[in-house]
Protein backbone atom coordinates (compact mmCIF):
# COMPACT_ATOMS: atom_id res chain seq x y z
CA MET A 1 9.29 44.12 68.23
CA GLU A 2 8.63 43.10 71.81
CA ASN A 3 4.93 43.98 71.39
CA TYR A 4 4.63 41.67 68.37
CA TYR A 5 5.98 38.69 70.32
CA ASN A 6 4.08 39.58 73.49
CA GLU A 7 0.81 39.69 71.56
CA SER A 8 1.46 36.53 69.53
CA ALA A 9 3.51 34.58 72.10
CA LYS A 10 1.16 31.60 72.34
CA ASP A 11 0.86 31.17 68.55
CA PHE A 12 4.61 31.63 68.07
CA PHE A 13 5.34 29.11 70.83
CA GLU A 14 3.00 26.52 69.32
CA GLY A 15 4.50 27.04 65.85
CA THR A 16 8.13 26.64 66.92
CA ALA A 17 8.46 24.69 70.19
CA TYR A 18 8.46 21.25 68.59
CA VAL A 19 10.18 21.92 65.27
CA ASP A 20 13.14 19.58 64.76
CA MET A 21 16.35 21.64 64.57
CA THR A 22 18.80 18.82 65.36
CA ALA A 23 20.45 19.01 61.92
CA ASN A 24 21.51 22.58 62.70
CA TYR A 25 22.94 21.58 66.10
CA LYS A 26 25.52 19.17 64.67
CA ASP A 27 28.40 21.50 63.75
CA PHE A 28 27.78 23.84 66.69
CA LEU A 29 27.81 21.09 69.33
CA ALA A 30 30.74 19.28 67.69
CA ASN A 31 32.86 22.32 68.58
CA LEU A 32 31.87 22.39 72.26
CA PRO A 33 33.17 20.35 75.19
CA GLN A 34 30.63 18.16 76.98
CA GLY A 35 28.85 20.19 79.64
CA ALA A 36 29.76 23.49 77.96
CA LYS A 37 27.96 26.69 78.91
CA ILE A 38 25.71 27.97 76.09
CA LEU A 39 23.97 31.34 75.78
CA ASP A 40 20.75 31.00 73.76
CA ILE A 41 19.83 34.54 72.69
CA GLY A 42 16.35 35.24 71.43
CA CYS A 43 15.40 31.78 72.61
CA GLY A 44 11.72 32.19 71.67
CA SER A 45 9.86 29.05 72.72
CA GLY A 46 12.97 27.63 74.41
CA ARG A 47 13.07 24.70 71.99
CA ASP A 48 16.85 24.79 71.48
CA SER A 49 17.65 25.53 75.11
CA LEU A 50 15.65 22.49 76.18
CA SER A 51 17.41 20.29 73.60
CA PHE A 52 20.83 21.49 74.78
CA LYS A 53 19.90 20.90 78.44
CA LYS A 54 18.76 17.35 77.63
CA LEU A 55 22.17 16.75 76.02
CA GLY A 56 23.95 17.78 79.23
CA TYR A 57 24.88 21.39 78.43
CA GLU A 58 24.46 24.27 80.85
CA VAL A 59 22.19 26.86 79.22
CA VAL A 60 21.40 30.50 79.87
CA ALA A 61 18.35 31.43 77.81
CA MET A 62 17.27 34.99 77.10
CA ASP A 63 14.55 36.66 75.07
CA GLY A 64 13.32 40.21 74.53
CA SER A 65 9.61 39.39 74.97
CA ILE A 66 8.36 39.00 78.53
CA GLU A 67 5.51 36.76 77.36
CA MET A 68 7.90 34.49 75.43
CA CYS A 69 10.14 34.38 78.53
CA LYS A 70 7.19 33.13 80.60
CA LEU A 71 6.27 30.39 78.12
CA ALA A 72 9.89 29.37 77.51
CA SER A 73 10.68 29.28 81.26
CA GLU A 74 7.86 26.81 81.76
CA HIS A 75 8.91 24.76 78.70
CA ILE A 76 12.60 24.61 79.65
CA GLY A 77 12.08 24.26 83.40
CA GLN A 78 14.31 27.21 84.29
CA GLU A 79 14.08 30.98 84.33
CA VAL A 80 14.60 32.74 81.00
CA VAL A 81 16.33 36.12 81.24
CA HIS A 82 14.24 39.00 79.89
CA MET A 83 16.69 41.24 78.02
CA GLN A 84 16.98 43.08 74.72
CA PHE A 85 20.01 42.33 72.52
CA GLN A 86 21.30 45.88 73.00
CA GLU A 87 21.36 45.33 76.81
CA ILE A 88 23.58 42.24 76.76
CA ASP A 89 26.32 42.56 79.37
CA PHE A 90 27.22 39.02 80.40
CA PRO A 91 30.79 38.34 81.55
CA CYS A 92 33.15 36.16 79.50
CA ILE A 93 31.68 32.81 80.61
CA PHE A 94 30.18 31.13 77.53
CA ASP A 95 31.71 28.35 75.46
CA GLY A 96 29.04 28.82 72.81
CA ILE A 97 26.38 31.28 71.70
CA TRP A 98 23.28 30.12 69.85
CA ALA A 99 21.27 32.73 67.90
CA ALA A 100 18.76 30.85 65.76
CA SER A 101 16.53 33.24 63.81
CA SER A 102 16.92 35.98 66.41
CA LEU A 103 19.61 38.51 65.48
CA LEU A 104 17.70 39.12 62.26
CA HIS A 105 15.56 41.55 64.26
CA VAL A 106 18.53 43.86 65.02
CA PRO A 107 18.80 46.83 62.61
CA SER A 108 22.00 47.13 60.55
CA SER A 109 22.80 50.34 62.46
CA GLU A 110 23.07 48.32 65.71
CA ILE A 111 24.14 44.81 64.64
CA GLU A 112 27.91 45.41 64.92
CA MET A 113 27.46 46.78 68.46
CA VAL A 114 25.34 43.76 69.46
CA LEU A 115 27.85 41.31 67.94
CA GLY A 116 30.62 43.12 69.82
CA LYS A 117 28.76 42.64 73.11
CA LEU A 118 28.33 38.96 72.31
CA LYS A 119 32.01 38.61 71.48
CA VAL A 120 32.88 39.95 74.95
CA CYS A 121 30.86 37.22 76.72
CA LEU A 122 32.25 34.39 74.54
CA LYS A 123 35.39 32.63 75.76
CA ASP A 124 38.48 32.57 73.53
CA GLU A 125 38.01 29.88 70.86
CA GLY A 126 34.29 29.81 71.69
CA VAL A 127 31.81 29.14 68.88
CA PHE A 128 28.82 31.19 67.79
CA TYR A 129 25.96 30.05 65.55
CA ALA A 130 23.49 32.47 63.95
CA SER A 131 20.89 32.30 61.20
CA PHE A 132 19.31 34.97 59.04
CA LYS A 133 16.77 34.95 56.23
CA ASN A 134 18.70 34.76 52.95
CA SER A 135 18.00 37.98 51.05
CA GLU A 136 19.00 41.64 50.71
CA PHE A 137 15.89 42.92 52.56
CA GLU A 138 16.00 45.21 55.57
CA GLY A 139 12.90 46.79 57.06
CA GLU A 140 9.49 45.98 58.46
CA ARG A 141 7.70 42.86 57.27
CA ASN A 142 4.51 41.46 58.82
CA GLY A 143 4.75 43.69 61.89
CA ARG A 144 8.40 42.93 62.68
CA TYR A 145 11.74 44.45 61.72
CA PHE A 146 14.07 42.20 59.71
CA LEU A 147 17.71 42.38 58.73
CA ASP A 148 18.16 39.66 56.11
CA LEU A 149 21.68 38.74 54.99
CA THR A 150 23.26 37.01 52.03
CA GLU A 151 26.24 34.73 52.61
CA ASP A 152 28.63 37.48 51.48
CA LYS A 153 27.08 40.06 53.80
CA ALA A 154 27.04 37.65 56.74
CA ARG A 155 30.72 36.76 56.20
CA ALA A 156 31.69 40.44 55.92
CA LEU A 157 29.72 41.41 59.04
CA PHE A 158 31.07 38.71 61.35
CA THR A 159 34.61 39.14 60.03
CA LYS A 160 34.47 42.90 60.58
CA VAL A 161 33.58 42.32 64.25
CA GLY A 162 36.58 40.00 64.57
CA PHE A 163 35.11 36.52 64.34
CA LYS A 164 36.65 33.75 62.24
CA VAL A 165 34.09 32.14 59.93
CA GLU A 166 34.22 28.36 60.31
CA LYS A 167 31.28 27.38 58.09
CA MET A 168 28.33 28.83 56.22
CA TRP A 169 25.43 26.98 54.63
CA ILE A 170 21.94 27.55 53.25
CA THR A 171 18.92 25.63 54.52
CA GLY A 172 15.19 25.66 53.90
CA ASP A 173 12.82 26.65 56.68
CA VAL A 174 12.01 23.59 58.79
CA ARG A 175 8.54 24.79 59.77
CA ALA A 176 5.62 23.16 58.00
CA GLY A 177 4.67 24.82 54.73
CA ARG A 178 7.67 27.16 54.68
CA GLY A 179 10.33 25.02 53.01
CA ASP A 180 10.72 27.56 50.19
CA GLU A 181 12.11 30.15 52.64
CA LYS A 182 15.91 30.03 52.66
CA TRP A 183 18.19 30.73 55.62
CA VAL A 184 21.86 31.65 55.85
CA ASN A 185 23.48 29.71 58.68
CA ILE A 186 26.85 30.85 59.96
CA LEU A 187 29.19 29.27 62.47
CA VAL A 188 32.04 31.46 63.70
CA ARG A 189 34.79 31.26 66.30
CA LYS A 190 36.19 33.95 68.57
């Protein structure tokens, strides 16, 4: 996975850095105090981290691709932590976790463990947003591994790990020419 993003970092950055995701921020940010500390996992281009910083939030951004970390660090204006999801070991310091289109690269055999690690670093009553492609597919597609989820599977997964589901909704892809692709968005609370 890391090789895919290292090799296509510039193209991926250019295709995602300026996409408008503000509609997806609304419910997540409404549940956070002003100045809250947010962990943006799989931050990619750093688009969301930069938006959160501009709104006055403290952001820790991380990504599993060293090349994406370099581009995102420059874009955000702060260092991006290079770390795989399976290596997450932050202390319990975050008011919110943002995982836009990132956890979908974690195999089903590891996703509960990764969500458990994220739960540990989220404060009590903290909120967690994640999005997954809306389908039953799991496996390699276009050089990357994907774990797609339906609403029912997403609800069952996050509930099993001990999160309380606050809201789920389906959206189209916001990138140009990809509006037919559907995404499951889930907002949960610890």
